[in-house]
Amino acid sequence: MTRIVCWPDRLTAAPEALFAYGTLQFPEVLHALIGRMPEHTVASVDGWRIAGLPGRDYPGLVPAGTRADGLLIRGLSDEEWRVLDAFEDDWYDLRELTLTDGGTAWCYTCPSGYQVSERDWTAADFSRTHLGGFVETSAAWRRTLG
């Protein structure tokens, strides 16, 4: 079962865990946004694909017949969740997903019907080509929040 929470009320309380499959799985990005790398473990979700998004360096998670790998991030404070939620903005749907180990976590997924690339997004490709610039842009964005 998947629950979907819609903007703007989607974070009335901080969820227990975040499944990060894209840029938020990089310690450098989390340091730029919240100043630390929280407790984390490797995690997966079945029935999803990490898709490239046309014209964007970051991915979207879309339903598919595959497994998506990422990180399960725990121990985020209410303020850290607010920062990450603002960073991900209302373009993404925030859903509770069931992990392959049977646990659950909240995840920012691609909106239904959005046209994604046929190619998968990979952390390795992103790290090689975009990570440095993305970290700088993320840090600059974070400074605008005060």
C-alpha atoms as a PDB file:
ATOM      1  CA  MET A   1       0.000   0.000   0.000  1.00  0.00           C
ATOM      2  CA  THR A   2       1.281   3.453  -0.923  1.00  0.00           C
ATOM      3  CA  ARG A   3       0.089   6.610   0.790  1.00  0.00           C
ATOM      4  CA  ILE A   4       0.480   9.890  -1.053  1.00  0.00           C
ATOM      5  CA  VAL A   5       0.654  13.166   0.817  1.00  0.00           C
ATOM      6  CA  CYS A   6      -0.063  16.339  -1.122  1.00  0.00           C
ATOM      7  CA  TRP A   7       1.468  19.776  -0.830  1.00  0.00           C
ATOM      8  CA  PRO A   8       1.224  22.048   1.176  1.00  0.00           C
ATOM      9  CA  ASP A   9       0.263  20.005   4.238  1.00  0.00           C
ATOM     10  CA  ARG A  10       2.542  17.083   3.555  1.00  0.00           C
ATOM     11  CA  LEU A  11       4.880  17.626   6.502  1.00  0.00           C
ATOM     12  CA  THR A  12       2.678  18.304   9.475  1.00  0.00           C
ATOM     13  CA  ALA A  13       4.975  15.911  11.374  1.00  0.00           C
ATOM     14  CA  ALA A  14       8.475  14.717  10.533  1.00  0.00           C
ATOM     15  CA  PRO A  15       8.446  11.184   9.085  1.00  0.00           C
ATOM     16  CA  GLU A  16      10.681   8.570  10.683  1.00  0.00           C
ATOM     17  CA  ALA A  17      12.705   7.719   7.580  1.00  0.00           C
ATOM     18  CA  LEU A  18      13.513   8.981   4.081  1.00  0.00           C
ATOM     19  CA  PHE A  19      14.315   6.733   1.124  1.00  0.00           C
ATOM     20  CA  ALA A  20      16.838   8.687  -0.978  1.00  0.00           C
ATOM     21  CA  TYR A  21      17.534   7.341  -4.470  1.00  0.00           C
ATOM     22  CA  GLY A  22      19.011  10.396  -6.191  1.00  0.00           C
ATOM     23  CA  THR A  23      21.042  13.426  -5.182  1.00  0.00           C
ATOM     24  CA  LEU A  24      20.069  13.184  -1.502  1.00  0.00           C
ATOM     25  CA  GLN A  25      22.083   9.978  -1.159  1.00  0.00           C
ATOM     26  CA  PHE A  26      25.323  11.961  -1.576  1.00  0.00           C
ATOM     27  CA  PRO A  27      26.899  13.087   1.713  1.00  0.00           C
ATOM     28  CA  GLU A  28      28.193  16.240  -0.007  1.00  0.00           C
ATOM     29  CA  VAL A  29      24.660  17.284  -0.969  1.00  0.00           C
ATOM     30  CA  LEU A  30      23.250  16.612   2.496  1.00  0.00           C
ATOM     31  CA  HIS A  31      26.118  18.540   4.084  1.00  0.00           C
ATOM     32  CA  ALA A  32      25.348  21.491   1.783  1.00  0.00           C
ATOM     33  CA  LEU A  33      21.648  21.371   2.724  1.00  0.00           C
ATOM     34  CA  ILE A  34      21.509  20.358   6.390  1.00  0.00           C
ATOM     35  CA  GLY A  35      25.134  20.458   7.531  1.00  0.00           C
ATOM     36  CA  ARG A  36      25.567  16.736   8.205  1.00  0.00           C
ATOM     37  CA  MET A  37      25.148  13.187   6.954  1.00  0.00           C
ATOM     38  CA  PRO A  38      22.494  11.546   9.146  1.00  0.00           C
ATOM     39  CA  GLU A  39      22.365   7.882  10.120  1.00  0.00           C
ATOM     40  CA  HIS A  40      21.803   5.819   6.969  1.00  0.00           C
ATOM     41  CA  THR A  41      21.798   2.309   5.547  1.00  0.00           C
ATOM     42  CA  VAL A  42      21.504   0.826   2.073  1.00  0.00           C
ATOM     43  CA  ALA A  43      17.880   0.179   1.072  1.00  0.00           C
ATOM     44  CA  SER A  44      15.781  -0.783  -1.964  1.00  0.00           C
ATOM     45  CA  VAL A  45      12.213  -0.612  -3.221  1.00  0.00           C
ATOM     46  CA  ASP A  46      10.693  -3.057  -5.698  1.00  0.00           C
ATOM     47  CA  GLY A  47       8.402  -1.883  -8.467  1.00  0.00           C
ATOM     48  CA  TRP A  48      10.194   1.419  -9.118  1.00  0.00           C
ATOM     49  CA  ARG A  49      12.821   2.805 -11.517  1.00  0.00           C
ATOM     50  CA  ILE A  50      15.249   5.707 -11.074  1.00  0.00           C
ATOM     51  CA  ALA A  51      14.590   7.584 -14.294  1.00  0.00           C
ATOM     52  CA  GLY A  52      16.528  10.374 -15.905  1.00  0.00           C
ATOM     53  CA  LEU A  53      14.533  13.577 -16.302  1.00  0.00           C
ATOM     54  CA  PRO A  54      14.915  15.449 -19.586  1.00  0.00           C
ATOM     55  CA  GLY A  55      17.016  18.593 -19.111  1.00  0.00           C
ATOM     56  CA  ARG A  56      17.714  17.902 -15.425  1.00  0.00           C
ATOM     57  CA  ASP A  57      20.735  16.554 -13.555  1.00  0.00           C
ATOM     58  CA  TYR A  58      18.611  14.843 -10.912  1.00  0.00           C
ATOM     59  CA  PRO A  59      16.250  11.865 -11.279  1.00  0.00           C
ATOM     60  CA  GLY A  60      12.669  10.941 -10.604  1.00  0.00           C
ATOM     61  CA  LEU A  61      11.403   7.700  -9.138  1.00  0.00           C
ATOM     62  CA  VAL A  62       8.679   6.163 -11.311  1.00  0.00           C
ATOM     63  CA  PRO A  63       6.661   2.945 -11.101  1.00  0.00           C
ATOM     64  CA  ALA A  64       8.278   0.131 -13.083  1.00  0.00           C
ATOM     65  CA  GLY A  65       8.961  -3.571 -12.922  1.00  0.00           C
ATOM     66  CA  THR A  66      12.448  -3.128 -11.475  1.00  0.00           C
ATOM     67  CA  ARG A  67      14.185  -2.476  -8.178  1.00  0.00           C
ATOM     68  CA  ALA A  68      15.475   0.954  -7.162  1.00  0.00           C
ATOM     69  CA  ASP A  69      18.447   1.125  -4.800  1.00  0.00           C
ATOM     70  CA  GLY A  70      19.295   3.999  -2.516  1.00  0.00           C
ATOM     71  CA  LEU A  71      19.717   4.937   1.129  1.00  0.00           C
ATOM     72  CA  LEU A  72      17.385   4.807   4.082  1.00  0.00           C
ATOM     73  CA  ILE A  73      18.053   7.989   6.060  1.00  0.00           C
ATOM     74  CA  ARG A  74      16.928   8.185   9.693  1.00  0.00           C
ATOM     75  CA  GLY A  75      17.179  10.705  12.484  1.00  0.00           C
ATOM     76  CA  LEU A  76      16.266  13.855  10.569  1.00  0.00           C
ATOM     77  CA  SER A  77      15.013  16.667  12.768  1.00  0.00           C
ATOM     78  CA  ASP A  78      11.795  18.548  11.983  1.00  0.00           C
ATOM     79  CA  GLU A  79      13.883  21.465  10.681  1.00  0.00           C
ATOM     80  CA  GLU A  80      16.010  19.193   8.491  1.00  0.00           C
ATOM     81  CA  TRP A  81      12.842  17.669   7.008  1.00  0.00           C
ATOM     82  CA  ARG A  82      11.524  21.182   6.312  1.00  0.00           C
ATOM     83  CA  VAL A  83      14.749  22.103   4.511  1.00  0.00           C
ATOM     84  CA  LEU A  84      14.754  18.911   2.429  1.00  0.00           C
ATOM     85  CA  ASP A  85      11.049  19.285   1.654  1.00  0.00           C
ATOM     86  CA  ALA A  86      11.573  22.857   0.471  1.00  0.00           C
ATOM     87  CA  PHE A  87      14.566  21.717  -1.595  1.00  0.00           C
ATOM     88  CA  GLU A  88      12.549  18.947  -3.254  1.00  0.00           C
ATOM     89  CA  ASP A  89       9.621  21.403  -3.558  1.00  0.00           C
ATOM     90  CA  ASP A  90       6.054  20.645  -4.499  1.00  0.00           C
ATOM     91  CA  TRP A  91       6.948  19.206  -7.898  1.00  0.00           C
ATOM     92  CA  TYR A  92       7.583  15.810  -6.309  1.00  0.00           C
ATOM     93  CA  ASP A  93       4.936  13.672  -4.673  1.00  0.00           C
ATOM     94  CA  LEU A  94       5.839  12.589  -1.150  1.00  0.00           C
ATOM     95  CA  ARG A  95       4.851   8.928  -0.741  1.00  0.00           C
ATOM     96  CA  GLU A  96       5.267   6.272   1.863  1.00  0.00           C
ATOM     97  CA  LEU A  97       6.831   3.246   0.163  1.00  0.00           C
ATOM     98  CA  THR A  98       7.394  -0.297   1.337  1.00  0.00           C
ATOM     99  CA  LEU A  99      11.067  -1.257   1.277  1.00  0.00           C
ATOM    100  CA  THR A 100      12.279  -4.663   0.120  1.00  0.00           C
ATOM    101  CA  ASP A 101      13.020  -5.553   3.758  1.00  0.00           C
ATOM    102  CA  GLY A 102       9.359  -4.945   4.662  1.00  0.00           C
ATOM    103  CA  GLY A 103       9.907  -1.619   6.398  1.00  0.00           C
ATOM    104  CA  THR A 104       8.526   1.679   5.181  1.00  0.00           C
ATOM    105  CA  ALA A 105       9.995   5.068   4.365  1.00  0.00           C
ATOM    106  CA  TRP A 106       8.846   8.303   2.797  1.00  0.00           C
ATOM    107  CA  CYS A 107      10.180   9.161  -0.626  1.00  0.00           C
ATOM    108  CA  TYR A 108       9.988  11.983  -3.158  1.00  0.00           C
ATOM    109  CA  THR A 109       8.615  10.423  -6.352  1.00  0.00           C
ATOM    110  CA  CYS A 110       8.036  11.722  -9.849  1.00  0.00           C
ATOM    111  CA  PRO A 111       4.517  13.054 -10.419  1.00  0.00           C
ATOM    112  CA  SER A 112       2.214  10.682 -12.258  1.00  0.00           C
ATOM    113  CA  GLY A 113       2.192  11.254 -15.992  1.00  0.00           C
ATOM    114  CA  TYR A 114       5.448  13.225 -16.125  1.00  0.00           C
ATOM    115  CA  GLN A 115       7.473  12.409 -19.250  1.00  0.00           C
ATOM    116  CA  VAL A 116      10.707  10.753 -18.084  1.00  0.00           C
ATOM    117  CA  SER A 117      13.718   9.635 -20.086  1.00  0.00           C
ATOM    118  CA  GLU A 118      14.043   6.067 -21.294  1.00  0.00           C
ATOM    119  CA  ARG A 119      17.496   6.028 -19.716  1.00  0.00           C
ATOM    120  CA  ASP A 120      18.048   5.255 -16.073  1.00  0.00           C
ATOM    121  CA  TRP A 121      19.753   7.851 -13.886  1.00  0.00           C
ATOM    122  CA  THR A 122      22.815   6.483 -12.092  1.00  0.00           C
ATOM    123  CA  ALA A 123      24.659   7.818  -9.089  1.00  0.00           C
ATOM    124  CA  ALA A 124      27.985   6.934 -10.733  1.00  0.00           C
ATOM    125  CA  ASP A 125      27.263   9.037 -13.845  1.00  0.00           C
ATOM    126  CA  PHE A 126      25.965  11.919 -11.734  1.00  0.00           C
ATOM    127  CA  SER A 127      29.040  11.800  -9.485  1.00  0.00           C
ATOM    128  CA  ARG A 128      31.395  11.935 -12.465  1.00  0.00           C
ATOM    129  CA  THR A 129      29.655  14.726 -14.356  1.00  0.00           C
ATOM    130  CA  HIS A 130      27.473  16.881 -12.103  1.00  0.00           C
ATOM    131  CA  LEU A 131      28.117  16.378  -8.378  1.00  0.00           C
ATOM    132  CA  GLY A 132      30.543  19.275  -7.836  1.00  0.00           C
ATOM    133  CA  GLY A 133      28.325  21.855  -9.509  1.00  0.00           C
ATOM    134  CA  PHE A 134      25.201  20.426  -7.891  1.00  0.00           C
ATOM    135  CA  VAL A 135      26.741  20.731  -4.423  1.00  0.00           C
ATOM    136  CA  GLU A 136      27.650  24.387  -5.102  1.00  0.00           C
ATOM    137  CA  THR A 137      24.139  25.146  -6.369  1.00  0.00           C
ATOM    138  CA  SER A 138      22.593  23.336  -3.388  1.00  0.00           C
ATOM    139  CA  ALA A 139      24.735  25.286  -0.904  1.00  0.00           C
ATOM    140  CA  ALA A 140      23.796  28.564  -2.594  1.00  0.00           C
ATOM    141  CA  TRP A 141      20.117  27.610  -2.474  1.00  0.00           C
ATOM    142  CA  ARG A 142      20.420  26.738   1.233  1.00  0.00           C
ATOM    143  CA  ARG A 143      21.904  30.159   2.006  1.00  0.00           C
ATOM    144  CA  THR A 144      18.773  31.765   0.571  1.00  0.00           C
ATOM    145  CA  LEU A 145      16.690  30.095   3.312  1.00  0.00           C
ATOM    146  CA  GLY A 146      18.658  31.889   6.007  1.00  0.00           C
END
